[in-house]
């Protein structure tokens, strides 16, 4: 997990702000009580991007995870995992939709 460096813009305690970690991962979005909470975007230097809802600093609610190869998952998240209805789209355009539990599609 990325180590903290600090708030570089805005209000990272209660409001909207941008936090940059020592590994260059960034979070820009809403904060409540120093936790990522509400709408935000987390970006990693290796190309992963999560944009969506956070609850208590975890991906929770509706969000999209983009992978470096161009694949995406759009749908529901709970406690940092794909949980609920969602669609995974591979970079070649193939899709799988359905109910996800702890990151795995239920077939």
N, C-alpha and C. Protein backbone atom coordinates (compact mmCIF):
# COMPACT_ATOMS: atom_id res chain seq x y z
N UNK A 1 0.85 -1.19 0.00
CA UNK A 1 0.00 0.00 0.00
C UNK A 1 0.88 1.24 0.00
N UNK A 2 0.44 2.23 -0.71
CA UNK A 2 1.21 3.47 -0.84
C UNK A 2 1.36 4.16 0.51
N UNK A 3 2.55 4.64 0.77
CA UNK A 3 2.78 5.40 2.01
C UNK A 3 2.36 6.84 1.78
N UNK A 4 1.89 7.47 2.83
CA UNK A 4 1.39 8.83 2.73
C UNK A 4 2.51 9.85 2.61
N UNK A 5 2.25 10.89 1.84
CA UNK A 5 3.13 12.06 1.86
C UNK A 5 2.35 13.28 2.28
N UNK A 6 1.19 13.52 1.67
CA UNK A 6 0.42 14.63 2.15
C UNK A 6 -0.54 15.25 1.16
N UNK A 7 -1.33 16.17 1.71
CA UNK A 7 -2.32 16.89 0.93
C UNK A 7 -1.62 17.97 0.13
N UNK A 8 -1.77 17.93 -1.18
CA UNK A 8 -1.08 18.89 -2.05
C UNK A 8 -1.99 20.01 -2.53
N UNK A 9 -3.30 19.77 -2.50
CA UNK A 9 -4.26 20.79 -2.93
C UNK A 9 -5.55 20.63 -2.13
N UNK A 10 -6.19 21.71 -1.81
CA UNK A 10 -7.51 21.67 -1.21
C UNK A 10 -7.53 21.25 0.25
N UNK A 11 -8.64 20.60 0.63
CA UNK A 11 -8.89 20.21 2.01
C UNK A 11 -9.01 18.69 2.09
N UNK A 12 -7.99 18.02 2.61
CA UNK A 12 -7.99 16.56 2.70
C UNK A 12 -8.46 16.07 4.06
N UNK A 13 -9.13 16.93 4.80
CA UNK A 13 -9.73 16.51 6.07
C UNK A 13 -11.24 16.45 5.95
N UNK A 14 -11.84 17.53 5.51
CA UNK A 14 -13.28 17.60 5.30
C UNK A 14 -13.54 18.53 4.13
N UNK A 15 -13.71 17.95 2.95
CA UNK A 15 -13.92 18.76 1.76
C UNK A 15 -13.41 18.05 0.53
N UNK A 16 -12.83 18.82 -0.39
CA UNK A 16 -12.31 18.28 -1.65
C UNK A 16 -10.82 18.57 -1.71
N UNK A 17 -10.03 17.53 -1.95
CA UNK A 17 -8.59 17.74 -1.98
C UNK A 17 -7.85 16.67 -2.75
N UNK A 18 -6.56 16.93 -2.98
CA UNK A 18 -5.70 16.00 -3.70
C UNK A 18 -4.55 15.56 -2.80
N UNK A 19 -4.40 14.25 -2.64
CA UNK A 19 -3.35 13.65 -1.82
C UNK A 19 -2.40 12.92 -2.75
N UNK A 20 -1.10 13.11 -2.53
CA UNK A 20 -0.09 12.40 -3.31
C UNK A 20 0.73 11.53 -2.37
N UNK A 21 0.87 10.25 -2.73
CA UNK A 21 1.62 9.28 -1.94
C UNK A 21 3.07 9.20 -2.43
N UNK A 22 3.94 8.63 -1.62
CA UNK A 22 5.37 8.57 -1.97
C UNK A 22 5.62 7.77 -3.24
N UNK A 23 4.76 6.81 -3.57
CA UNK A 23 4.94 6.03 -4.81
C UNK A 23 4.30 6.70 -6.02
N UNK A 24 3.85 7.95 -5.86
CA UNK A 24 3.23 8.77 -6.91
C UNK A 24 1.77 8.42 -7.19
N UNK A 25 1.19 7.50 -6.41
CA UNK A 25 -0.25 7.27 -6.48
C UNK A 25 -0.94 8.55 -6.00
N UNK A 26 -2.06 8.91 -6.64
CA UNK A 26 -2.79 10.10 -6.21
C UNK A 26 -4.25 9.76 -5.95
N UNK A 27 -4.84 10.52 -5.05
CA UNK A 27 -6.29 10.49 -4.85
C UNK A 27 -6.76 11.93 -4.90
N UNK A 28 -7.74 12.17 -5.74
CA UNK A 28 -8.36 13.49 -5.80
C UNK A 28 -9.85 13.31 -5.67
N UNK A 29 -10.42 13.97 -4.65
CA UNK A 29 -11.85 13.82 -4.45
C UNK A 29 -12.29 14.30 -3.08
N UNK A 30 -13.41 13.75 -2.66
CA UNK A 30 -14.05 14.17 -1.42
C UNK A 30 -13.45 13.45 -0.21
N UNK A 31 -13.36 14.20 0.89
CA UNK A 31 -12.81 13.69 2.15
C UNK A 31 -13.81 13.99 3.27
N UNK A 32 -13.93 13.04 4.20
CA UNK A 32 -14.71 13.25 5.42
C UNK A 32 -13.88 12.70 6.58
N UNK A 33 -13.50 13.56 7.50
CA UNK A 33 -12.72 13.13 8.66
C UNK A 33 -11.41 12.45 8.28
N UNK A 34 -10.71 12.98 7.33
CA UNK A 34 -9.42 12.49 6.79
C UNK A 34 -9.53 11.14 6.05
N UNK A 35 -10.75 10.69 5.75
CA UNK A 35 -10.93 9.46 4.96
C UNK A 35 -11.49 9.82 3.59
N UNK A 36 -11.08 9.04 2.57
CA UNK A 36 -11.67 9.19 1.24
C UNK A 36 -13.12 8.77 1.36
N UNK A 37 -14.03 9.69 1.07
CA UNK A 37 -15.45 9.41 1.29
C UNK A 37 -16.27 10.27 0.34
N UNK A 38 -17.03 9.62 -0.56
CA UNK A 38 -17.79 10.33 -1.58
C UNK A 38 -17.19 10.03 -2.95
N UNK A 39 -17.28 10.98 -3.85
CA UNK A 39 -16.76 10.80 -5.22
C UNK A 39 -15.27 11.12 -5.27
N UNK A 40 -14.53 10.29 -6.02
CA UNK A 40 -13.10 10.55 -6.15
C UNK A 40 -12.46 9.72 -7.24
N UNK A 41 -11.19 10.04 -7.50
CA UNK A 41 -10.40 9.31 -8.49
C UNK A 41 -9.05 8.95 -7.89
N UNK A 42 -8.71 7.66 -7.96
CA UNK A 42 -7.42 7.17 -7.48
C UNK A 42 -6.63 6.72 -8.71
N UNK A 43 -5.41 7.22 -8.85
CA UNK A 43 -4.60 6.94 -10.03
C UNK A 43 -3.24 6.41 -9.60
N UNK A 44 -2.82 5.28 -10.18
CA UNK A 44 -1.53 4.68 -9.87
C UNK A 44 -0.55 4.93 -11.01
N UNK A 45 0.74 5.03 -10.71
CA UNK A 45 1.74 5.26 -11.75
C UNK A 45 1.81 4.12 -12.78
N UNK A 46 1.35 2.92 -12.43
CA UNK A 46 1.39 1.79 -13.37
C UNK A 46 0.22 1.76 -14.34
N UNK A 47 -0.67 2.77 -14.27
CA UNK A 47 -1.75 2.88 -15.25
C UNK A 47 -3.14 2.52 -14.78
N UNK A 48 -3.29 2.00 -13.57
CA UNK A 48 -4.62 1.70 -13.05
C UNK A 48 -5.30 2.99 -12.60
N UNK A 49 -6.61 3.10 -12.88
CA UNK A 49 -7.38 4.27 -12.45
C UNK A 49 -8.74 3.79 -11.95
N UNK A 50 -9.09 4.18 -10.72
CA UNK A 50 -10.42 3.93 -10.19
C UNK A 50 -11.11 5.28 -10.06
N UNK A 51 -12.32 5.35 -10.63
CA UNK A 51 -13.10 6.58 -10.54
C UNK A 51 -14.50 6.20 -10.08
N UNK A 52 -14.90 6.76 -8.94
CA UNK A 52 -16.22 6.43 -8.43
C UNK A 52 -16.39 6.76 -6.97
N UNK A 53 -17.21 5.95 -6.31
CA UNK A 53 -17.57 6.21 -4.92
C UNK A 53 -16.61 5.52 -3.95
N UNK A 54 -16.34 6.25 -2.86
CA UNK A 54 -15.51 5.74 -1.76
C UNK A 54 -16.33 5.82 -0.48
N UNK A 55 -16.10 4.86 0.40
CA UNK A 55 -16.70 4.90 1.73
C UNK A 55 -15.62 4.47 2.71
N UNK A 56 -15.31 5.33 3.66
CA UNK A 56 -14.26 5.05 4.66
C UNK A 56 -12.96 4.60 3.99
N UNK A 57 -12.56 5.31 2.94
CA UNK A 57 -11.32 5.09 2.18
C UNK A 57 -11.29 3.81 1.36
N UNK A 58 -12.44 3.12 1.21
CA UNK A 58 -12.50 1.92 0.38
C UNK A 58 -13.41 2.17 -0.82
N UNK A 59 -13.15 1.47 -1.93
CA UNK A 59 -14.03 1.55 -3.09
C UNK A 59 -15.35 0.93 -2.67
N UNK A 60 -16.41 1.71 -2.68
CA UNK A 60 -17.71 1.23 -2.23
C UNK A 60 -18.80 2.06 -2.88
N UNK A 61 -19.70 1.40 -3.63
CA UNK A 61 -20.73 2.10 -4.38
C UNK A 61 -20.54 1.82 -5.86
N UNK A 62 -20.83 2.81 -6.69
CA UNK A 62 -20.69 2.66 -8.14
C UNK A 62 -19.35 3.24 -8.57
N UNK A 63 -18.61 2.47 -9.39
CA UNK A 63 -17.31 2.96 -9.84
C UNK A 63 -16.80 2.21 -11.05
N UNK A 64 -15.74 2.76 -11.63
CA UNK A 64 -15.09 2.16 -12.80
C UNK A 64 -13.60 2.00 -12.52
N UNK A 65 -13.09 0.79 -12.73
CA UNK A 65 -11.66 0.54 -12.65
C UNK A 65 -11.15 0.33 -14.06
N UNK A 66 -10.18 1.14 -14.46
CA UNK A 66 -9.54 1.02 -15.77
C UNK A 66 -8.17 0.38 -15.58
N UNK A 67 -7.87 -0.61 -16.41
CA UNK A 67 -6.61 -1.35 -16.34
C UNK A 67 -5.64 -0.80 -17.39
N UNK A 68 -4.34 -0.98 -17.17
CA UNK A 68 -3.34 -0.46 -18.11
C UNK A 68 -3.51 -0.99 -19.54
N UNK A 69 -4.07 -2.21 -19.70
CA UNK A 69 -4.23 -2.78 -21.04
C UNK A 69 -5.48 -2.29 -21.77
N UNK A 70 -6.27 -1.40 -21.11
CA UNK A 70 -7.48 -0.87 -21.73
C UNK A 70 -8.75 -1.56 -21.29
N UNK A 71 -8.66 -2.64 -20.53
CA UNK A 71 -9.84 -3.31 -19.99
C UNK A 71 -10.46 -2.44 -18.90
N UNK A 72 -11.76 -2.64 -18.65
CA UNK A 72 -12.45 -1.88 -17.60
C UNK A 72 -13.46 -2.77 -16.88
N UNK A 73 -13.72 -2.40 -15.64
CA UNK A 73 -14.86 -2.96 -14.90
C UNK A 73 -15.70 -1.77 -14.48
N UNK A 74 -16.99 -1.82 -14.84
CA UNK A 74 -17.93 -0.77 -14.44
C UNK A 74 -19.06 -1.42 -13.66
N UNK A 75 -19.30 -0.91 -12.46
CA UNK A 75 -20.39 -1.48 -11.68
C UNK A 75 -20.26 -1.20 -10.20
N UNK A 76 -20.81 -2.13 -9.43
CA UNK A 76 -20.89 -1.96 -7.99
C UNK A 76 -19.65 -2.50 -7.30
N UNK A 77 -19.28 -1.80 -6.22
CA UNK A 77 -18.12 -2.15 -5.39
C UNK A 77 -18.55 -2.18 -3.94
N UNK A 78 -17.90 -3.03 -3.16
CA UNK A 78 -18.10 -3.03 -1.71
C UNK A 78 -16.80 -3.44 -1.06
N UNK A 79 -16.33 -2.62 -0.13
CA UNK A 79 -15.10 -2.87 0.62
C UNK A 79 -13.91 -3.18 -0.29
N UNK A 80 -13.81 -2.47 -1.40
CA UNK A 80 -12.66 -2.60 -2.29
C UNK A 80 -12.74 -3.71 -3.31
N UNK A 81 -13.83 -4.46 -3.34
CA UNK A 81 -13.98 -5.57 -4.30
C UNK A 81 -15.20 -5.35 -5.19
N UNK A 82 -15.17 -5.95 -6.39
CA UNK A 82 -16.34 -5.97 -7.26
C UNK A 82 -17.41 -6.78 -6.56
N UNK A 83 -18.50 -6.14 -6.19
CA UNK A 83 -19.60 -6.80 -5.48
C UNK A 83 -20.90 -6.21 -5.96
N UNK A 84 -21.75 -7.04 -6.56
CA UNK A 84 -23.03 -6.57 -7.08
C UNK A 84 -23.04 -6.67 -8.60
N UNK A 85 -23.87 -5.86 -9.23
CA UNK A 85 -24.01 -5.88 -10.68
C UNK A 85 -22.87 -5.12 -11.33
N UNK A 86 -22.30 -5.71 -12.40
CA UNK A 86 -21.22 -5.03 -13.09
C UNK A 86 -20.88 -5.68 -14.42
N UNK A 87 -20.09 -4.95 -15.21
CA UNK A 87 -19.66 -5.43 -16.52
C UNK A 87 -18.15 -5.28 -16.64
N UNK A 88 -17.49 -6.38 -17.00
CA UNK A 88 -16.06 -6.34 -17.30
C UNK A 88 -15.93 -6.32 -18.81
N UNK A 89 -15.16 -5.36 -19.32
CA UNK A 89 -14.91 -5.25 -20.76
C UNK A 89 -13.42 -5.39 -21.01
N UNK A 90 -13.06 -6.42 -21.80
CA UNK A 90 -11.66 -6.61 -22.14
C UNK A 90 -11.25 -5.61 -23.21
N UNK A 91 -9.97 -5.41 -23.39
CA UNK A 91 -9.46 -4.43 -24.34
C UNK A 91 -9.87 -4.75 -25.78
N UNK A 92 -10.22 -6.02 -26.08
CA UNK A 92 -10.66 -6.37 -27.43
C UNK A 92 -12.16 -6.18 -27.63
N UNK A 93 -12.86 -5.67 -26.57
CA UNK A 93 -14.28 -5.38 -26.68
C UNK A 93 -15.21 -6.46 -26.14
N UNK A 94 -14.70 -7.66 -25.86
CA UNK A 94 -15.54 -8.71 -25.28
C UNK A 94 -16.01 -8.27 -23.90
N UNK A 95 -17.23 -8.68 -23.55
CA UNK A 95 -17.80 -8.28 -22.26
C UNK A 95 -18.37 -9.47 -21.50
N UNK A 96 -18.34 -9.35 -20.19
CA UNK A 96 -19.03 -10.28 -19.28
C UNK A 96 -19.77 -9.42 -18.27
N UNK A 97 -21.08 -9.64 -18.18
CA UNK A 97 -21.90 -8.90 -17.22
C UNK A 97 -22.57 -9.88 -16.27
N UNK A 98 -22.87 -9.39 -15.09
CA UNK A 98 -23.58 -10.22 -14.14
C UNK A 98 -23.35 -9.78 -12.72
N UNK A 99 -23.55 -10.72 -11.81
CA UNK A 99 -23.39 -10.46 -10.39
C UNK A 99 -22.00 -10.90 -9.96
N UNK A 100 -21.30 -10.00 -9.28
CA UNK A 100 -19.95 -10.26 -8.79
C UNK A 100 -19.98 -10.37 -7.27
N UNK A 101 -19.19 -11.30 -6.73
CA UNK A 101 -19.05 -11.47 -5.28
C UNK A 101 -17.57 -11.53 -4.96
N UNK A 102 -17.11 -10.57 -4.17
CA UNK A 102 -15.70 -10.49 -3.76
C UNK A 102 -14.73 -10.61 -4.94
N UNK A 103 -15.07 -9.92 -6.04
CA UNK A 103 -14.18 -9.87 -7.20
C UNK A 103 -14.35 -10.98 -8.21
N UNK A 104 -15.29 -11.90 -7.98
CA UNK A 104 -15.47 -13.03 -8.91
C UNK A 104 -16.88 -13.02 -9.49
N UNK A 105 -16.97 -13.21 -10.81
CA UNK A 105 -18.26 -13.28 -11.49
C UNK A 105 -18.95 -14.58 -11.12
N UNK A 106 -20.21 -14.49 -10.72
CA UNK A 106 -21.01 -15.68 -10.37
C UNK A 106 -21.69 -16.18 -11.64
N UNK A 107 -21.37 -17.38 -12.04
CA UNK A 107 -21.95 -17.91 -13.28
C UNK A 107 -22.87 -19.07 -13.02
